[in-house]
Amino acid sequence: MTLTWRDADVVELRDGYAITDSDGRPAARLTEVRVAVEGGFLHIHLPGANTVEIVSAPALGRLTYRLPRTG
């Protein structure tokens, strides 16, 4: 499995969903993370963490990421 990672500005989950933030607390909104989409799942990596959390597509409320710079 090869994931394509992107730098995300904002990841917001729908009500009832949460992932662990950098302080170890449940959070429904994260900023400045890395994300990859694969087969209906969003992989989320927080800077400095050695784990990746995965949520199903229905959990995602909003995702904003940066396009790679060209030229």
PDB file of N, CA and C in Angstrom:
ATOM      1  N   MET A   1       0.839  -1.168   0.000  1.00  0.00           N
ATOM      2  CA  MET A   1       0.000   0.000   0.000  1.00  0.00           C
ATOM      3  C   MET A   1       0.893   1.243   0.000  1.00  0.00           C
ATOM      4  N   THR A   2       0.729   2.094  -0.994  1.00  0.00           N
ATOM      5  CA  THR A   2       1.454   3.349  -1.071  1.00  0.00           C
ATOM      6  C   THR A   2       0.448   4.484  -0.981  1.00  0.00           C
ATOM      7  N   LEU A   3       0.583   5.298   0.042  1.00  0.00           N
ATOM      8  CA  LEU A   3      -0.328   6.417   0.245  1.00  0.00           C
ATOM      9  C   LEU A   3       0.280   7.694  -0.313  1.00  0.00           C
ATOM     10  N   THR A   4      -0.574   8.570  -0.817  1.00  0.00           N
ATOM     11  CA  THR A   4      -0.147   9.890  -1.255  1.00  0.00           C
ATOM     12  C   THR A   4      -0.524  10.870  -0.151  1.00  0.00           C
ATOM     13  N   TRP A   5       0.470  11.381   0.534  1.00  0.00           N
ATOM     14  CA  TRP A   5       0.237  12.276   1.669  1.00  0.00           C
ATOM     15  C   TRP A   5       0.167  13.718   1.196  1.00  0.00           C
ATOM     16  N   ARG A   6      -0.711  14.476   1.844  1.00  0.00           N
ATOM     17  CA  ARG A   6      -0.861  15.906   1.567  1.00  0.00           C
ATOM     18  C   ARG A   6      -0.852  16.660   2.888  1.00  0.00           C
ATOM     19  N   ASP A   7      -0.364  17.900   2.842  1.00  0.00           N
ATOM     20  CA  ASP A   7      -0.417  18.766   4.012  1.00  0.00           C
ATOM     21  C   ASP A   7      -1.809  19.375   4.086  1.00  0.00           C
ATOM     22  N   ALA A   8      -2.494  19.132   5.188  1.00  0.00           N
ATOM     23  CA  ALA A   8      -3.855  19.641   5.350  1.00  0.00           C
ATOM     24  C   ALA A   8      -3.867  20.821   6.313  1.00  0.00           C
ATOM     25  N   ASP A   9      -4.627  21.845   5.962  1.00  0.00           N
ATOM     26  CA  ASP A   9      -4.794  22.989   6.843  1.00  0.00           C
ATOM     27  C   ASP A   9      -5.822  22.679   7.925  1.00  0.00           C
ATOM     28  N   VAL A  10      -6.950  22.064   7.521  1.00  0.00           N
ATOM     29  CA  VAL A  10      -8.039  21.792   8.461  1.00  0.00           C
ATOM     30  C   VAL A  10      -8.662  20.430   8.168  1.00  0.00           C
ATOM     31  N   VAL A  11      -8.883  19.657   9.222  1.00  0.00           N
ATOM     32  CA  VAL A  11      -9.683  18.433   9.155  1.00  0.00           C
ATOM     33  C   VAL A  11     -10.764  18.567  10.216  1.00  0.00           C
ATOM     34  N   GLU A  12     -12.017  18.521   9.789  1.00  0.00           N
ATOM     35  CA  GLU A  12     -13.138  18.569  10.721  1.00  0.00           C
ATOM     36  C   GLU A  12     -13.964  17.312  10.566  1.00  0.00           C
ATOM     37  N   LEU A  13     -14.268  16.682  11.686  1.00  0.00           N
ATOM     38  CA  LEU A  13     -15.091  15.479  11.682  1.00  0.00           C
ATOM     39  C   LEU A  13     -16.519  15.834  12.039  1.00  0.00           C
ATOM     40  N   ARG A  14     -17.441  14.990  11.620  1.00  0.00           N
ATOM     41  CA  ARG A  14     -18.858  15.179  11.930  1.00  0.00           C
ATOM     42  C   ARG A  14     -19.114  14.906  13.408  1.00  0.00           C
ATOM     43  N   ASP A  15     -20.256  15.388  13.879  1.00  0.00           N
ATOM     44  CA  ASP A  15     -20.662  15.145  15.268  1.00  0.00           C
ATOM     45  C   ASP A  15     -20.623  13.657  15.581  1.00  0.00           C
ATOM     46  N   GLY A  16     -20.094  13.336  16.752  1.00  0.00           N
ATOM     47  CA  GLY A  16     -20.028  11.948  17.179  1.00  0.00           C
ATOM     48  C   GLY A  16     -18.729  11.248  16.835  1.00  0.00           C
ATOM     49  N   TYR A  17     -17.857  11.907  16.056  1.00  0.00           N
ATOM     50  CA  TYR A  17     -16.571  11.330  15.676  1.00  0.00           C
ATOM     51  C   TYR A  17     -15.442  12.152  16.285  1.00  0.00           C
ATOM     52  N   ALA A  18     -14.370  11.498  16.654  1.00  0.00           N
ATOM     53  CA  ALA A  18     -13.202  12.196  17.191  1.00  0.00           C
ATOM     54  C   ALA A  18     -11.957  11.358  16.948  1.00  0.00           C
ATOM     55  N   ILE A  19     -10.828  12.046  16.888  1.00  0.00           N
ATOM     56  CA  ILE A  19      -9.534  11.377  16.875  1.00  0.00           C
ATOM     57  C   ILE A  19      -8.700  12.000  17.982  1.00  0.00           C
ATOM     58  N   THR A  20      -7.552  11.453  18.245  1.00  0.00           N
ATOM     59  CA  THR A  20      -6.709  11.929  19.323  1.00  0.00           C
ATOM     60  C   THR A  20      -5.832  13.082  18.846  1.00  0.00           C
ATOM     61  N   ASP A  21      -5.867  14.202  19.588  1.00  0.00           N
ATOM     62  CA  ASP A  21      -5.036  15.337  19.205  1.00  0.00           C
ATOM     63  C   ASP A  21      -3.622  15.175  19.771  1.00  0.00           C
ATOM     64  N   SER A  22      -2.778  16.169  19.577  1.00  0.00           N
ATOM     65  CA  SER A  22      -1.377  16.066  19.999  1.00  0.00           C
ATOM     66  C   SER A  22      -1.211  16.032  21.518  1.00  0.00           C
ATOM     67  N   ASP A  23      -2.251  16.417  22.259  1.00  0.00           N
ATOM     68  CA  ASP A  23      -2.226  16.356  23.723  1.00  0.00           C
ATOM     69  C   ASP A  23      -2.844  15.073  24.261  1.00  0.00           C
ATOM     70  N   GLY A  24      -3.264  14.178  23.350  1.00  0.00           N
ATOM     71  CA  GLY A  24      -3.861  12.914  23.763  1.00  0.00           C
ATOM     72  C   GLY A  24      -5.341  12.996  24.090  1.00  0.00           C
ATOM     73  N   ARG A  25      -5.970  14.095  23.729  1.00  0.00           N
ATOM     74  CA  ARG A  25      -7.405  14.276  24.000  1.00  0.00           C
ATOM     75  C   ARG A  25      -8.216  14.078  22.725  1.00  0.00           C
ATOM     76  N   PRO A  26      -9.473  13.653  22.866  1.00  0.00           N
ATOM     77  CA  PRO A  26     -10.339  13.532  21.694  1.00  0.00           C
ATOM     78  C   PRO A  26     -10.582  14.910  21.061  1.00  0.00           C
ATOM     79  N   ALA A  27     -10.552  14.957  19.741  1.00  0.00           N
ATOM     80  CA  ALA A  27     -10.767  16.216  19.027  1.00  0.00           C
ATOM     81  C   ALA A  27     -11.544  15.939  17.749  1.00  0.00           C
ATOM     82  N   ALA A  28     -12.409  16.868  17.395  1.00  0.00           N
ATOM     83  CA  ALA A  28     -13.167  16.753  16.150  1.00  0.00           C
ATOM     84  C   ALA A  28     -12.633  17.704  15.088  1.00  0.00           C
ATOM     85  N   ARG A  29     -11.704  18.578  15.475  1.00  0.00           N
ATOM     86  CA  ARG A  29     -11.110  19.529  14.526  1.00  0.00           C
ATOM     87  C   ARG A  29      -9.609  19.577  14.762  1.00  0.00           C
ATOM     88  N   LEU A  30      -8.854  19.386  13.695  1.00  0.00           N
ATOM     89  CA  LEU A  30      -7.392  19.437  13.754  1.00  0.00           C
ATOM     90  C   LEU A  30      -6.884  20.370  12.667  1.00  0.00           C
ATOM     91  N   THR A  31      -5.764  21.003  12.928  1.00  0.00           N
ATOM     92  CA  THR A  31      -5.140  21.864  11.932  1.00  0.00           C
ATOM     93  C   THR A  31      -3.689  21.436  11.740  1.00  0.00           C
ATOM     94  N   GLU A  32      -3.156  21.766  10.551  1.00  0.00           N
ATOM     95  CA  GLU A  32      -1.750  21.504  10.234  1.00  0.00           C
ATOM     96  C   GLU A  32      -1.365  20.034  10.442  1.00  0.00           C
ATOM     97  N   VAL A  33      -2.071  19.145   9.755  1.00  0.00           N
ATOM     98  CA  VAL A  33      -1.784  17.710   9.813  1.00  0.00           C
ATOM     99  C   VAL A  33      -1.476  17.205   8.410  1.00  0.00           C
ATOM    100  N   ARG A  34      -1.072  15.949   8.288  1.00  0.00           N
ATOM    101  CA  ARG A  34      -0.868  15.311   6.983  1.00  0.00           C
ATOM    102  C   ARG A  34      -1.980  14.296   6.799  1.00  0.00           C
ATOM    103  N   VAL A  35      -2.529  14.203   5.579  1.00  0.00           N
ATOM    104  CA  VAL A  35      -3.628  13.290   5.308  1.00  0.00           C
ATOM    105  C   VAL A  35      -3.380  12.511   4.019  1.00  0.00           C
ATOM    106  N   ALA A  36      -3.997  11.342   3.957  1.00  0.00           N
ATOM    107  CA  ALA A  36      -3.999  10.531   2.740  1.00  0.00           C
ATOM    108  C   ALA A  36      -5.369   9.866   2.652  1.00  0.00           C
ATOM    109  N   VAL A  37      -5.905   9.787   1.448  1.00  0.00           N
ATOM    110  CA  VAL A  37      -7.207   9.164   1.228  1.00  0.00           C
ATOM    111  C   VAL A  37      -6.990   7.858   0.488  1.00  0.00           C
ATOM    112  N   GLU A  38      -7.643   6.805   0.984  1.00  0.00           N
ATOM    113  CA  GLU A  38      -7.521   5.503   0.334  1.00  0.00           C
ATOM    114  C   GLU A  38      -8.785   4.689   0.580  1.00  0.00           C
ATOM    115  N   GLY A  39      -9.435   4.275  -0.492  1.00  0.00           N
ATOM    116  CA  GLY A  39     -10.564   3.359  -0.406  1.00  0.00           C
ATOM    117  C   GLY A  39     -11.657   3.754   0.562  1.00  0.00           C
ATOM    118  N   GLY A  40     -12.010   5.017   0.622  1.00  0.00           N
ATOM    119  CA  GLY A  40     -13.086   5.452   1.502  1.00  0.00           C
ATOM    120  C   GLY A  40     -12.652   5.718   2.935  1.00  0.00           C
ATOM    121  N   PHE A  41     -11.355   5.793   3.158  1.00  0.00           N
ATOM    122  CA  PHE A  41     -10.825   6.071   4.492  1.00  0.00           C
ATOM    123  C   PHE A  41      -9.841   7.230   4.432  1.00  0.00           C
ATOM    124  N   LEU A  42      -9.847   8.034   5.492  1.00  0.00           N
ATOM    125  CA  LEU A  42      -8.915   9.144   5.609  1.00  0.00           C
ATOM    126  C   LEU A  42      -7.874   8.783   6.662  1.00  0.00           C
ATOM    127  N   HIS A  43      -6.609   8.788   6.256  1.00  0.00           N
ATOM    128  CA  HIS A  43      -5.491   8.535   7.155  1.00  0.00           C
ATOM    129  C   HIS A  43      -5.006   9.895   7.639  1.00  0.00           C
ATOM    130  N   ILE A  44      -4.855  10.062   8.947  1.00  0.00           N
ATOM    131  CA  ILE A  44      -4.480  11.352   9.521  1.00  0.00           C
ATOM    132  C   ILE A  44      -3.221  11.177  10.361  1.00  0.00           C
ATOM    133  N   HIS A  45      -2.204  11.988  10.049  1.00  0.00           N
ATOM    134  CA  HIS A  45      -0.942  11.953  10.795  1.00  0.00           C
ATOM    135  C   HIS A  45      -0.684  13.330  11.386  1.00  0.00           C
ATOM    136  N   LEU A  46      -0.545  13.391  12.712  1.00  0.00           N
ATOM    137  CA  LEU A  46      -0.202  14.631  13.391  1.00  0.00           C
ATOM    138  C   LEU A  46       1.306  14.792  13.408  1.00  0.00           C
ATOM    139  N   PRO A  47       1.807  16.001  13.167  1.00  0.00           N
ATOM    140  CA  PRO A  47       3.259  16.226  13.200  1.00  0.00           C
ATOM    141  C   PRO A  47       3.845  15.768  14.534  1.00  0.00           C
ATOM    142  N   GLY A  48       4.950  15.056  14.465  1.00  0.00           N
ATOM    143  CA  GLY A  48       5.622  14.592  15.660  1.00  0.00           C
ATOM    144  C   GLY A  48       5.095  13.285  16.229  1.00  0.00           C
ATOM    145  N   ALA A  49       3.961  12.817  15.739  1.00  0.00           N
ATOM    146  CA  ALA A  49       3.383  11.562  16.236  1.00  0.00           C
ATOM    147  C   ALA A  49       3.989  10.384  15.482  1.00  0.00           C
ATOM    148  N   ASN A  50       4.033   9.244  16.126  1.00  0.00           N
ATOM    149  CA  ASN A  50       4.543   8.053  15.447  1.00  0.00           C
ATOM    150  C   ASN A  50       3.407   7.103  15.077  1.00  0.00           C
ATOM    151  N   THR A  51       2.170   7.620  15.086  1.00  0.00           N
ATOM    152  CA  THR A  51       1.010   6.826  14.707  1.00  0.00           C
ATOM    153  C   THR A  51       0.184   7.561  13.661  1.00  0.00           C
ATOM    154  N   VAL A  52      -0.667   6.807  12.984  1.00  0.00           N
ATOM    155  CA  VAL A  52      -1.614   7.347  12.018  1.00  0.00           C
ATOM    156  C   VAL A  52      -2.998   6.890  12.446  1.00  0.00           C
ATOM    157  N   GLU A  53      -3.942   7.815  12.524  1.00  0.00           N
ATOM    158  CA  GLU A  53      -5.319   7.437  12.834  1.00  0.00           C
ATOM    159  C   GLU A  53      -6.107   7.403  11.531  1.00  0.00           C
ATOM    160  N   ILE A  54      -7.066   6.496  11.461  1.00  0.00           N
ATOM    161  CA  ILE A  54      -7.855   6.301  10.247  1.00  0.00           C
ATOM    162  C   ILE A  54      -9.327   6.453  10.595  1.00  0.00           C
ATOM    163  N   VAL A  55     -10.041   7.250   9.788  1.00  0.00           N
ATOM    164  CA  VAL A  55     -11.488   7.384   9.941  1.00  0.00           C
ATOM    165  C   VAL A  55     -12.156   7.064   8.615  1.00  0.00           C
ATOM    166  N   SER A  56     -13.377   6.585   8.672  1.00  0.00           N
ATOM    167  CA  SER A  56     -14.119   6.295   7.447  1.00  0.00           C
ATOM    168  C   SER A  56     -14.625   7.597   6.834  1.00  0.00           C
ATOM    169  N   ALA A  57     -14.855   7.586   5.549  1.00  0.00           N
ATOM    170  CA  ALA A  57     -15.285   8.785   4.829  1.00  0.00           C
ATOM    171  C   ALA A  57     -16.527   9.439   5.437  1.00  0.00           C
ATOM    172  N   PRO A  58     -17.536   8.687   5.898  1.00  0.00           N
ATOM    173  CA  PRO A  58     -18.702   9.348   6.480  1.00  0.00           C
ATOM    174  C   PRO A  58     -18.394  10.178   7.727  1.00  0.00           C
ATOM    175  N   ALA A  59     -17.245   9.952   8.373  1.00  0.00           N
ATOM    176  CA  ALA A  59     -16.864  10.718   9.558  1.00  0.00           C
ATOM    177  C   ALA A  59     -16.382  12.119   9.200  1.00  0.00           C
ATOM    178  N   LEU A  60     -15.962  12.314   7.951  1.00  0.00           N
ATOM    179  CA  LEU A  60     -15.364  13.577   7.535  1.00  0.00           C
ATOM    180  C   LEU A  60     -16.420  14.634   7.258  1.00  0.00           C
ATOM    181  N   GLY A  61     -16.273  15.773   7.908  1.00  0.00           N
ATOM    182  CA  GLY A  61     -17.161  16.902   7.662  1.00  0.00           C
ATOM    183  C   GLY A  61     -16.555  17.875   6.675  1.00  0.00           C
ATOM    184  N   ARG A  62     -15.238  18.168   6.859  1.00  0.00           N
ATOM    185  CA  ARG A  62     -14.550  19.122   5.979  1.00  0.00           C
ATOM    186  C   ARG A  62     -13.063  18.834   5.992  1.00  0.00           C
ATOM    187  N   LEU A  63     -12.452  18.973   4.818  1.00  0.00           N
ATOM    188  CA  LEU A  63     -11.010  18.799   4.671  1.00  0.00           C
ATOM    189  C   LEU A  63     -10.492  19.897   3.752  1.00  0.00           C
ATOM    190  N   THR A  64      -9.487  20.614   4.219  1.00  0.00           N
ATOM    191  CA  THR A  64      -8.841  21.636   3.398  1.00  0.00           C
ATOM    192  C   THR A  64      -7.364  21.305   3.334  1.00  0.00           C
ATOM    193  N   TYR A  65      -6.829  21.143   2.114  1.00  0.00           N
ATOM    194  CA  TYR A  65      -5.407  20.860   1.971  1.00  0.00           C
ATOM    195  C   TYR A  65      -4.805  21.721   0.875  1.00  0.00           C
ATOM    196  N   ARG A  66      -3.476  21.796   0.895  1.00  0.00           N
ATOM    197  CA  ARG A  66      -2.735  22.625  -0.057  1.00  0.00           C
ATOM    198  C   ARG A  66      -2.324  21.802  -1.272  1.00  0.00           C
ATOM    199  N   LEU A  67      -2.437  22.392  -2.427  1.00  0.00           N
ATOM    200  CA  LEU A  67      -1.955  21.749  -3.644  1.00  0.00           C
ATOM    201  C   LEU A  67      -0.444  21.883  -3.710  1.00  0.00           C
ATOM    202  N   PRO A  68       0.226  20.913  -4.310  1.00  0.00           N
ATOM    203  CA  PRO A  68       1.672  21.026  -4.457  1.00  0.00           C
ATOM    204  C   PRO A  68       2.028  22.247  -5.328  1.00  0.00           C
ATOM    205  N   ARG A  69       3.103  22.878  -4.983  1.00  0.00           N
ATOM    206  CA  ARG A  69       3.549  24.034  -5.779  1.00  0.00           C
ATOM    207  C   ARG A  69       4.112  23.552  -7.111  1.00  0.00           C
ATOM    208  N   THR A  70       3.815  24.308  -8.159  1.00  0.00           N
ATOM    209  CA  THR A  70       4.366  23.981  -9.480  1.00  0.00           C
ATOM    210  C   THR A  70       5.036  25.234 -10.029  1.00  0.00           C
ATOM    211  N   GLY A  71       6.077  25.007 -10.827  1.00  0.00           N
ATOM    212  CA  GLY A  71       6.773  26.067 -11.526  1.00  0.00           C
ATOM    213  C   GLY A  71       7.109  27.189 -10.665  1.00  0.00           C
TER     214      GLY A  71
END
